[in-house]
PDB file of all heavy atoms in Angstrom:
ATOM      1  N   SER A   1      -9.556  14.893 -38.201  1.00  0.00           N
ATOM      2  CA  SER A   1      -8.695  14.146 -39.125  1.00  0.00           C
ATOM      3  C   SER A   1      -7.834  13.137 -38.377  1.00  0.00           C
ATOM      4  O   SER A   1      -7.571  12.040 -38.878  1.00  0.00           O
ATOM      5  CB  SER A   1      -7.816  15.107 -39.931  1.00  0.00           C
ATOM      6  OG  SER A   1      -6.989  15.879 -39.079  1.00  0.00           O
ATOM      7  N   LEU A   2      -7.398  13.491 -37.165  1.00  0.00           N
ATOM      8  CA  LEU A   2      -6.625  12.553 -36.357  1.00  0.00           C
ATOM      9  C   LEU A   2      -7.473  11.336 -35.995  1.00  0.00           C
ATOM     10  O   LEU A   2      -6.999  10.192 -36.060  1.00  0.00           O
ATOM     11  CB  LEU A   2      -6.120  13.246 -35.086  1.00  0.00           C
ATOM     12  CG  LEU A   2      -5.374  12.370 -34.083  1.00  0.00           C
ATOM     13  CD1 LEU A   2      -4.132  11.759 -34.712  1.00  0.00           C
ATOM     14  CD2 LEU A   2      -4.991  13.181 -32.835  1.00  0.00           C
ATOM     15  N   TYR A   3      -8.725  11.571 -35.644  1.00  0.00           N
ATOM     16  CA  TYR A   3      -9.628  10.473 -35.320  1.00  0.00           C
ATOM     17  C   TYR A   3      -9.767   9.529 -36.520  1.00  0.00           C
ATOM     18  O   TYR A   3      -9.825   8.305 -36.357  1.00  0.00           O
ATOM     19  CB  TYR A   3     -10.994  11.035 -34.934  1.00  0.00           C
ATOM     20  CG  TYR A   3     -11.978   9.996 -34.438  1.00  0.00           C
ATOM     21  CD1 TYR A   3     -12.048   9.666 -33.083  1.00  0.00           C
ATOM     22  CD2 TYR A   3     -12.842   9.347 -35.309  1.00  0.00           C
ATOM     23  CE1 TYR A   3     -12.940   8.718 -32.615  1.00  0.00           C
ATOM     24  CE2 TYR A   3     -13.743   8.395 -34.854  1.00  0.00           C
ATOM     25  CZ  TYR A   3     -13.783   8.086 -33.510  1.00  0.00           C
ATOM     26  OH  TYR A   3     -14.675   7.140 -33.068  1.00  0.00           O
ATOM     27  N   SER A   4      -9.787  10.101 -37.704  1.00  0.00           N
ATOM     28  CA  SER A   4      -9.957   9.297 -38.917  1.00  0.00           C
ATOM     29  C   SER A   4      -8.743   8.417 -39.208  1.00  0.00           C
ATOM     30  O   SER A   4      -8.897   7.253 -39.583  1.00  0.00           O
ATOM     31  CB  SER A   4     -10.239  10.206 -40.115  1.00  0.00           C
ATOM     32  OG  SER A   4     -10.255   9.469 -41.321  1.00  0.00           O
ATOM     33  N   VAL A   5      -7.527   8.963 -39.029  1.00  0.00           N
ATOM     34  CA  VAL A   5      -6.334   8.221 -39.445  1.00  0.00           C
ATOM     35  C   VAL A   5      -5.922   7.151 -38.443  1.00  0.00           C
ATOM     36  O   VAL A   5      -5.044   6.336 -38.736  1.00  0.00           O
ATOM     37  CB  VAL A   5      -5.140   9.174 -39.691  1.00  0.00           C
ATOM     38  CG1 VAL A   5      -5.488  10.197 -40.751  1.00  0.00           C
ATOM     39  CG2 VAL A   5      -4.686   9.851 -38.406  1.00  0.00           C
ATOM     40  N   LEU A   6      -6.555   7.132 -37.265  1.00  0.00           N
ATOM     41  CA  LEU A   6      -6.222   6.114 -36.268  1.00  0.00           C
ATOM     42  C   LEU A   6      -7.069   4.859 -36.450  1.00  0.00           C
ATOM     43  O   LEU A   6      -8.236   4.927 -36.832  1.00  0.00           O
ATOM     44  CB  LEU A   6      -6.454   6.657 -34.859  1.00  0.00           C
ATOM     45  CG  LEU A   6      -5.513   7.757 -34.359  1.00  0.00           C
ATOM     46  CD1 LEU A   6      -5.947   8.239 -32.984  1.00  0.00           C
ATOM     47  CD2 LEU A   6      -4.070   7.275 -34.328  1.00  0.00           C
ATOM     48  N   VAL A   7      -6.473   3.714 -36.175  1.00  0.00           N
ATOM     49  CA  VAL A   7      -7.210   2.464 -36.130  1.00  0.00           C
ATOM     50  C   VAL A   7      -8.228   2.553 -34.990  1.00  0.00           C
ATOM     51  O   VAL A   7      -7.947   3.125 -33.930  1.00  0.00           O
ATOM     52  CB  VAL A   7      -6.246   1.282 -35.888  1.00  0.00           C
ATOM     53  CG1 VAL A   7      -7.020  -0.004 -35.677  1.00  0.00           C
ATOM     54  CG2 VAL A   7      -5.281   1.140 -37.059  1.00  0.00           C
ATOM     55  N   ARG A   8      -9.421   2.056 -35.220  1.00  0.00           N
ATOM     56  CA  ARG A   8     -10.436   2.116 -34.161  1.00  0.00           C
ATOM     57  C   ARG A   8      -9.940   1.411 -32.900  1.00  0.00           C
ATOM     58  O   ARG A   8      -9.434   0.302 -32.951  1.00  0.00           O
ATOM     59  CB  ARG A   8     -11.738   1.473 -34.623  1.00  0.00           C
ATOM     60  CG  ARG A   8     -12.486   2.232 -35.676  1.00  0.00           C
ATOM     61  CD  ARG A   8     -13.138   3.503 -35.118  1.00  0.00           C
ATOM     62  NE  ARG A   8     -12.186   4.585 -34.870  1.00  0.00           N
ATOM     63  CZ  ARG A   8     -11.736   5.428 -35.804  1.00  0.00           C
ATOM     64  NH1 ARG A   8     -12.135   5.313 -37.035  1.00  0.00           N
ATOM     65  NH2 ARG A   8     -10.891   6.375 -35.498  1.00  0.00           N
ATOM     66  N   GLY A   9     -10.104   2.093 -31.789  1.00  0.00           N
ATOM     67  CA  GLY A   9      -9.618   1.572 -30.528  1.00  0.00           C
ATOM     68  C   GLY A   9      -8.228   2.051 -30.166  1.00  0.00           C
ATOM     69  O   GLY A   9      -7.758   1.806 -29.052  1.00  0.00           O
ATOM     70  N   ALA A  10      -7.557   2.736 -31.103  1.00  0.00           N
ATOM     71  CA  ALA A  10      -6.209   3.238 -30.846  1.00  0.00           C
ATOM     72  C   ALA A  10      -6.255   4.476 -29.952  1.00  0.00           C
ATOM     73  O   ALA A  10      -7.304   5.101 -29.772  1.00  0.00           O
ATOM     74  CB  ALA A  10      -5.504   3.560 -32.158  1.00  0.00           C
ATOM     75  N   ARG A  11      -5.094   4.829 -29.417  1.00  0.00           N
ATOM     76  CA  ARG A  11      -4.990   5.997 -28.546  1.00  0.00           C
ATOM     77  C   ARG A  11      -4.107   7.070 -29.179  1.00  0.00           C
ATOM     78  O   ARG A  11      -3.243   6.786 -30.012  1.00  0.00           O
ATOM     79  CB  ARG A  11      -4.390   5.617 -27.190  1.00  0.00           C
ATOM     80  CG  ARG A  11      -5.237   4.695 -26.340  1.00  0.00           C
ATOM     81  CD  ARG A  11      -4.604   4.521 -24.966  1.00  0.00           C
ATOM     82  NE  ARG A  11      -5.383   3.618 -24.118  1.00  0.00           N
ATOM     83  CZ  ARG A  11      -5.124   3.405 -22.834  1.00  0.00           C
ATOM     84  NH1 ARG A  11      -4.117   4.029 -22.247  1.00  0.00           N
ATOM     85  NH2 ARG A  11      -5.873   2.576 -22.126  1.00  0.00           N
ATOM     86  N   ALA A  12      -4.340   8.295 -28.749  1.00  0.00           N
ATOM     87  CA  ALA A  12      -3.454   9.410 -29.061  1.00  0.00           C
ATOM     88  C   ALA A  12      -3.082  10.063 -27.741  1.00  0.00           C
ATOM     89  O   ALA A  12      -3.949  10.335 -26.911  1.00  0.00           O
ATOM     90  CB  ALA A  12      -4.135  10.417 -29.984  1.00  0.00           C
ATOM     91  N   VAL A  13      -1.798  10.285 -27.522  1.00  0.00           N
ATOM     92  CA  VAL A  13      -1.322  10.933 -26.300  1.00  0.00           C
ATOM     93  C   VAL A  13      -0.588  12.204 -26.700  1.00  0.00           C
ATOM     94  O   VAL A  13       0.457  12.144 -27.354  1.00  0.00           O
ATOM     95  CB  VAL A  13      -0.401  10.006 -25.483  1.00  0.00           C
ATOM     96  CG1 VAL A  13       0.117  10.734 -24.246  1.00  0.00           C
ATOM     97  CG2 VAL A  13      -1.141   8.735 -25.082  1.00  0.00           C
ATOM     98  N   LEU A  14      -1.148  13.332 -26.314  1.00  0.00           N
ATOM     99  CA  LEU A  14      -0.634  14.625 -26.740  1.00  0.00           C
ATOM    100  C   LEU A  14      -0.152  15.401 -25.519  1.00  0.00           C
ATOM    101  O   LEU A  14      -0.961  15.846 -24.699  1.00  0.00           O
ATOM    102  CB  LEU A  14      -1.721  15.418 -27.478  1.00  0.00           C
ATOM    103  CG  LEU A  14      -2.565  14.625 -28.485  1.00  0.00           C
ATOM    104  CD1 LEU A  14      -3.680  15.500 -29.048  1.00  0.00           C
ATOM    105  CD2 LEU A  14      -1.697  14.080 -29.609  1.00  0.00           C
ATOM    106  N   GLN A  15       1.162  15.550 -25.396  1.00  0.00           N
ATOM    107  CA  GLN A  15       1.701  16.355 -24.308  1.00  0.00           C
ATOM    108  C   GLN A  15       1.599  17.823 -24.725  1.00  0.00           C
ATOM    109  O   GLN A  15       1.935  18.181 -25.850  1.00  0.00           O
ATOM    110  CB  GLN A  15       3.159  15.970 -24.032  1.00  0.00           C
ATOM    111  CG  GLN A  15       3.792  16.669 -22.844  1.00  0.00           C
ATOM    112  CD  GLN A  15       4.335  18.030 -23.188  1.00  0.00           C
ATOM    113  OE1 GLN A  15       4.788  18.276 -24.305  1.00  0.00           O
ATOM    114  NE2 GLN A  15       4.305  18.944 -22.220  1.00  0.00           N
ATOM    115  N   LEU A  16       1.139  18.678 -23.826  1.00  0.00           N
ATOM    116  CA  LEU A  16       0.930  20.078 -24.177  1.00  0.00           C
ATOM    117  C   LEU A  16       1.156  20.975 -22.979  1.00  0.00           C
ATOM    118  O   LEU A  16       1.185  20.519 -21.828  1.00  0.00           O
ATOM    119  CB  LEU A  16      -0.477  20.292 -24.734  1.00  0.00           C
ATOM    120  CG  LEU A  16      -1.668  20.135 -23.773  1.00  0.00           C
ATOM    121  CD1 LEU A  16      -2.887  20.859 -24.336  1.00  0.00           C
ATOM    122  CD2 LEU A  16      -2.029  18.662 -23.560  1.00  0.00           C
ATOM    123  N   TYR A  17       1.320  22.264 -23.274  1.00  0.00           N
ATOM    124  CA  TYR A  17       1.487  23.278 -22.245  1.00  0.00           C
ATOM    125  C   TYR A  17       0.350  24.291 -22.373  1.00  0.00           C
ATOM    126  O   TYR A  17       0.499  25.326 -23.031  1.00  0.00           O
ATOM    127  CB  TYR A  17       2.835  23.987 -22.408  1.00  0.00           C
ATOM    128  CG  TYR A  17       4.039  23.126 -22.116  1.00  0.00           C
ATOM    129  CD1 TYR A  17       4.841  22.639 -23.146  1.00  0.00           C
ATOM    130  CD2 TYR A  17       4.389  22.802 -20.802  1.00  0.00           C
ATOM    131  CE1 TYR A  17       5.959  21.858 -22.878  1.00  0.00           C
ATOM    132  CE2 TYR A  17       5.504  22.020 -20.529  1.00  0.00           C
ATOM    133  CZ  TYR A  17       6.286  21.557 -21.567  1.00  0.00           C
ATOM    134  OH  TYR A  17       7.384  20.781 -21.303  1.00  0.00           O
ATOM    135  N   PRO A  18      -0.803  24.023 -21.766  1.00  0.00           N
ATOM    136  CA  PRO A  18      -1.905  24.979 -21.867  1.00  0.00           C
ATOM    137  C   PRO A  18      -1.584  26.269 -21.119  1.00  0.00           C
ATOM    138  O   PRO A  18      -0.994  26.238 -20.039  1.00  0.00           O
ATOM    139  CB  PRO A  18      -3.083  24.230 -21.226  1.00  0.00           C
ATOM    140  CG  PRO A  18      -2.439  23.261 -20.294  1.00  0.00           C
ATOM    141  CD  PRO A  18      -1.147  22.853 -20.940  1.00  0.00           C
ATOM    142  N   GLU A  19      -1.985  27.382 -21.694  1.00  0.00           N
ATOM    143  CA  GLU A  19      -1.715  28.676 -21.060  1.00  0.00           C
ATOM    144  C   GLU A  19      -2.571  28.873 -19.814  1.00  0.00           C
ATOM    145  O   GLU A  19      -2.138  29.484 -18.834  1.00  0.00           O
ATOM    146  CB  GLU A  19      -1.963  29.802 -22.058  1.00  0.00           C
ATOM    147  CG  GLU A  19      -1.593  31.178 -21.540  1.00  0.00           C
ATOM    148  CD  GLU A  19      -1.707  32.251 -22.601  1.00  0.00           C
ATOM    149  OE1 GLU A  19      -2.243  31.951 -23.692  1.00  0.00           O
ATOM    150  OE2 GLU A  19      -1.260  33.385 -22.337  1.00  0.00           O
ATOM    151  N   ASN A  20      -3.803  28.352 -19.846  1.00  0.00           N
ATOM    152  CA  ASN A  20      -4.709  28.488 -18.710  1.00  0.00           C
ATOM    153  C   ASN A  20      -5.795  27.421 -18.829  1.00  0.00           C
ATOM    154  O   ASN A  20      -5.814  26.635 -19.792  1.00  0.00           O
ATOM    155  CB  ASN A  20      -5.330  29.895 -18.665  1.00  0.00           C
ATOM    156  CG  ASN A  20      -5.851  30.332 -20.018  1.00  0.00           C
ATOM    157  OD1 ASN A  20      -6.553  29.580 -20.689  1.00  0.00           O
ATOM    158  ND2 ASN A  20      -5.512  31.553 -20.426  1.00  0.00           N
ATOM    159  N   SER A  21      -6.704  27.389 -17.859  1.00  0.00           N
ATOM    160  CA  SER A  21      -7.754  26.376 -17.852  1.00  0.00           C
ATOM    161  C   SER A  21      -8.723  26.563 -19.017  1.00  0.00           C
ATOM    162  O   SER A  21      -9.265  25.579 -19.539  1.00  0.00           O
ATOM    163  CB  SER A  21      -8.510  26.415 -16.521  1.00  0.00           C
ATOM    164  OG  SER A  21      -9.077  27.698 -16.294  1.00  0.00           O
ATOM    165  N   GLU A  22      -8.949  27.815 -19.427  1.00  0.00           N
ATOM    166  CA  GLU A  22      -9.847  28.067 -20.563  1.00  0.00           C
ATOM    167  C   GLU A  22      -9.292  27.469 -21.847  1.00  0.00           C
ATOM    168  O   GLU A  22     -10.035  26.891 -22.650  1.00  0.00           O
ATOM    169  CB  GLU A  22     -10.079  29.574 -20.734  1.00  0.00           C
ATOM    170  CG  GLU A  22     -10.913  30.230 -19.650  1.00  0.00           C
ATOM    171  CD  GLU A  22     -10.125  30.473 -18.372  1.00  0.00           C
ATOM    172  OE1 GLU A  22      -8.877  30.359 -18.420  1.00  0.00           O
ATOM    173  OE2 GLU A  22     -10.750  30.773 -17.331  1.00  0.00           O
ATOM    174  N   GLN A  23      -7.982  27.606 -22.038  1.00  0.00           N
ATOM    175  CA  GLN A  23      -7.371  27.046 -23.240  1.00  0.00           C
ATOM    176  C   GLN A  23      -7.426  25.522 -23.222  1.00  0.00           C
ATOM    177  O   GLN A  23      -7.693  24.889 -24.253  1.00  0.00           O
ATOM    178  CB  GLN A  23      -5.917  27.513 -23.355  1.00  0.00           C
ATOM    179  CG  GLN A  23      -5.272  27.173 -24.693  1.00  0.00           C
ATOM    180  CD  GLN A  23      -3.857  27.711 -24.803  1.00  0.00           C
ATOM    181  OE1 GLN A  23      -2.897  27.010 -24.497  1.00  0.00           O
ATOM    182  NE2 GLN A  23      -3.737  28.958 -25.223  1.00  0.00           N
ATOM    183  N   LEU A  24      -7.193  24.927 -22.067  1.00  0.00           N
ATOM    184  CA  LEU A  24      -7.272  23.475 -21.954  1.00  0.00           C
ATOM    185  C   LEU A  24      -8.688  22.984 -22.227  1.00  0.00           C
ATOM    186  O   LEU A  24      -8.891  21.953 -22.889  1.00  0.00           O
ATOM    187  CB  LEU A  24      -6.820  23.037 -20.560  1.00  0.00           C
ATOM    188  CG  LEU A  24      -6.746  21.532 -20.310  1.00  0.00           C
ATOM    189  CD1 LEU A  24      -5.787  20.854 -21.283  1.00  0.00           C
ATOM    190  CD2 LEU A  24      -6.314  21.255 -18.865  1.00  0.00           C
ATOM    191  N   GLU A  25      -9.681  23.723 -21.749  1.00  0.00           N
ATOM    192  CA  GLU A  25     -11.077  23.352 -22.002  1.00  0.00           C
ATOM    193  C   GLU A  25     -11.419  23.470 -23.486  1.00  0.00           C
ATOM    194  O   GLU A  25     -12.136  22.620 -24.028  1.00  0.00           O
ATOM    195  CB  GLU A  25     -12.012  24.244 -21.185  1.00  0.00           C
ATOM    196  CG  GLU A  25     -13.486  23.872 -21.345  1.00  0.00           C
ATOM    197  CD  GLU A  25     -14.397  24.736 -20.495  1.00  0.00           C
ATOM    198  OE1 GLU A  25     -13.889  25.594 -19.750  1.00  0.00           O
ATOM    199  OE2 GLU A  25     -15.631  24.542 -20.583  1.00  0.00           O
ATOM    200  N   LEU A  26     -10.891  24.497 -24.152  1.00  0.00           N
ATOM    201  CA  LEU A  26     -11.112  24.656 -25.588  1.00  0.00           C
ATOM    202  C   LEU A  26     -10.570  23.448 -26.354  1.00  0.00           C
ATOM    203  O   LEU A  26     -11.234  22.907 -27.249  1.00  0.00           O
ATOM    204  CB  LEU A  26     -10.440  25.933 -26.082  1.00  0.00           C
ATOM    205  CG  LEU A  26     -10.404  26.155 -27.600  1.00  0.00           C
ATOM    206  CD1 LEU A  26     -11.809  26.305 -28.158  1.00  0.00           C
ATOM    207  CD2 LEU A  26      -9.544  27.374 -27.946  1.00  0.00           C
ATOM    208  N   ILE A  27      -9.379  23.012 -25.995  1.00  0.00           N
ATOM    209  CA  ILE A  27      -8.743  21.887 -26.674  1.00  0.00           C
ATOM    210  C   ILE A  27      -9.530  20.598 -26.439  1.00  0.00           C
ATOM    211  O   ILE A  27      -9.840  19.861 -27.394  1.00  0.00           O
ATOM    212  CB  ILE A  27      -7.289  21.736 -26.193  1.00  0.00           C
ATOM    213  CG1 ILE A  27      -6.459  22.943 -26.642  1.00  0.00           C
ATOM    214  CG2 ILE A  27      -6.669  20.449 -26.748  1.00  0.00           C
ATOM    215  CD1 ILE A  27      -5.062  22.975 -26.037  1.00  0.00           C
ATOM    216  N   THR A  28      -9.855  20.309 -25.201  1.00  0.00           N
ATOM    217  CA  THR A  28     -10.560  19.064 -24.894  1.00  0.00           C
ATOM    218  C   THR A  28     -11.971  19.055 -25.485  1.00  0.00           C
ATOM    219  O   THR A  28     -12.455  18.002 -25.924  1.00  0.00           O
ATOM    220  CB  THR A  28     -10.627  18.846 -23.374  1.00  0.00           C
ATOM    221  OG1 THR A  28     -11.211  20.008 -22.755  1.00  0.00           O
ATOM    222  CG2 THR A  28      -9.245  18.642 -22.796  1.00  0.00           C
ATOM    223  N   THR A  29     -12.611  20.203 -25.521  1.00  0.00           N
ATOM    224  CA  THR A  29     -13.964  20.282 -26.083  1.00  0.00           C
ATOM    225  C   THR A  29     -13.967  19.910 -27.558  1.00  0.00           C
ATOM    226  O   THR A  29     -14.838  19.155 -28.029  1.00  0.00           O
ATOM    227  CB  THR A  29     -14.550  21.691 -25.907  1.00  0.00           C
ATOM    228  OG1 THR A  29     -14.660  21.988 -24.512  1.00  0.00           O
ATOM    229  CG2 THR A  29     -15.924  21.799 -26.553  1.00  0.00           C
ATOM    230  N   GLN A  30     -13.001  20.418 -28.304  1.00  0.00           N
ATOM    231  CA  GLN A  30     -12.933  20.107 -29.731  1.00  0.00           C
ATOM    232  C   GLN A  30     -12.553  18.648 -29.976  1.00  0.00           C
ATOM    233  O   GLN A  30     -12.995  18.029 -30.951  1.00  0.00           O
ATOM    234  CB  GLN A  30     -11.928  21.046 -30.428  1.00  0.00           C
ATOM    235  CG  GLN A  30     -12.312  22.509 -30.382  1.00  0.00           C
ATOM    236  CD  GLN A  30     -13.700  22.760 -30.939  1.00  0.00           C
ATOM    237  OE1 GLN A  30     -14.071  22.248 -31.994  1.00  0.00           O
ATOM    238  NE2 GLN A  30     -14.484  23.555 -30.215  1.00  0.00           N
ATOM    239  N   ALA A  31     -11.734  18.076 -29.087  1.00  0.00           N
ATOM    240  CA  ALA A  31     -11.377  16.664 -29.224  1.00  0.00           C
ATOM    241  C   ALA A  31     -12.600  15.781 -29.022  1.00  0.00           C
ATOM    242  O   ALA A  31     -12.832  14.817 -29.778  1.00  0.00           O
ATOM    243  CB  ALA A  31     -10.287  16.304 -28.218  1.00  0.00           C
ATOM    244  N   ILE A  32     -13.410  16.093 -28.021  1.00  0.00           N
ATOM    245  CA  ILE A  32     -14.625  15.318 -27.758  1.00  0.00           C
ATOM    246  C   ILE A  32     -15.625  15.503 -28.900  1.00  0.00           C
ATOM    247  O   ILE A  32     -16.293  14.547 -29.321  1.00  0.00           O
ATOM    248  CB  ILE A  32     -15.233  15.744 -26.409  1.00  0.00           C
ATOM    249  CG1 ILE A  32     -14.294  15.352 -25.268  1.00  0.00           C
ATOM    250  CG2 ILE A  32     -16.604  15.110 -26.208  1.00  0.00           C
ATOM    251  CD1 ILE A  32     -14.709  15.890 -23.917  1.00  0.00           C
ATOM    252  N   LYS A  33     -15.709  16.716 -29.407  1.00  0.00           N
ATOM    253  CA  LYS A  33     -16.612  17.001 -30.521  1.00  0.00           C
ATOM    254  C   LYS A  33     -16.247  16.182 -31.757  1.00  0.00           C
ATOM    255  O   LYS A  33     -17.113  15.783 -32.537  1.00  0.00           O
ATOM    256  CB  LYS A  33     -16.568  18.494 -30.850  1.00  0.00           C
ATOM    257  CG  LYS A  33     -17.530  18.933 -31.935  1.00  0.00           C
ATOM    258  CD  LYS A  33     -17.418  20.438 -32.177  1.00  0.00           C
ATOM    259  CE  LYS A  33     -18.325  20.885 -33.316  1.00  0.00           C
ATOM    260  NZ  LYS A  33     -18.195  22.353 -33.572  1.00  0.00           N
ATOM    261  N   ALA A  34     -14.943  15.901 -31.917  1.00  0.00           N
ATOM    262  CA  ALA A  34     -14.468  15.125 -33.065  1.00  0.00           C
ATOM    263  C   ALA A  34     -14.704  13.632 -32.901  1.00  0.00           C
ATOM    264  O   ALA A  34     -14.482  12.862 -33.846  1.00  0.00           O
ATOM    265  CB  ALA A  34     -12.983  15.394 -33.304  1.00  0.00           C
ATOM    266  N   GLY A  35     -15.128  13.195 -31.720  1.00  0.00           N
ATOM    267  CA  GLY A  35     -15.441  11.778 -31.513  1.00  0.00           C
ATOM    268  C   GLY A  35     -14.592  11.077 -30.480  1.00  0.00           C
ATOM    269  O   GLY A  35     -14.855   9.919 -30.132  1.00  0.00           O
ATOM    270  N   PHE A  36     -13.554  11.734 -29.972  1.00  0.00           N
ATOM    271  CA  PHE A  36     -12.676  11.100 -28.993  1.00  0.00           C
ATOM    272  C   PHE A  36     -13.335  11.031 -27.615  1.00  0.00           C
ATOM    273  O   PHE A  36     -14.204  11.834 -27.275  1.00  0.00           O
ATOM    274  CB  PHE A  36     -11.373  11.888 -28.860  1.00  0.00           C
ATOM    275  CG  PHE A  36     -10.394  11.668 -29.975  1.00  0.00           C
ATOM    276  CD1 PHE A  36     -10.166  12.661 -30.923  1.00  0.00           C
ATOM    277  CD2 PHE A  36      -9.692  10.477 -30.085  1.00  0.00           C
ATOM    278  CE1 PHE A  36      -9.252  12.471 -31.946  1.00  0.00           C
ATOM    279  CE2 PHE A  36      -8.771  10.271 -31.102  1.00  0.00           C
ATOM    280  CZ  PHE A  36      -8.558  11.274 -32.044  1.00  0.00           C
ATOM    281  N   THR A  37     -12.888  10.060 -26.838  1.00  0.00           N
ATOM    282  CA  THR A  37     -13.158  10.033 -25.405  1.00  0.00           C
ATOM    283  C   THR A  37     -11.807  10.104 -24.705  1.00  0.00           C
ATOM    284  O   THR A  37     -10.764  10.034 -25.344  1.00  0.00           O
ATOM    285  CB  THR A  37     -13.898   8.747 -24.993  1.00  0.00           C
ATOM    286  OG1 THR A  37     -13.111   7.599 -25.395  1.00  0.00           O
ATOM    287  CG2 THR A  37     -15.252   8.662 -25.677  1.00  0.00           C
TER     288      THR A  37
END
């Protein structure tokens, strides 16, 4: 949904505190799956 509401070519910068590397990988994997680079 975030990918949809952004103008094409726009950026999203999300500051976060991942608990571990597995959690960070889970987050980035779903972002890429949604269409982000």
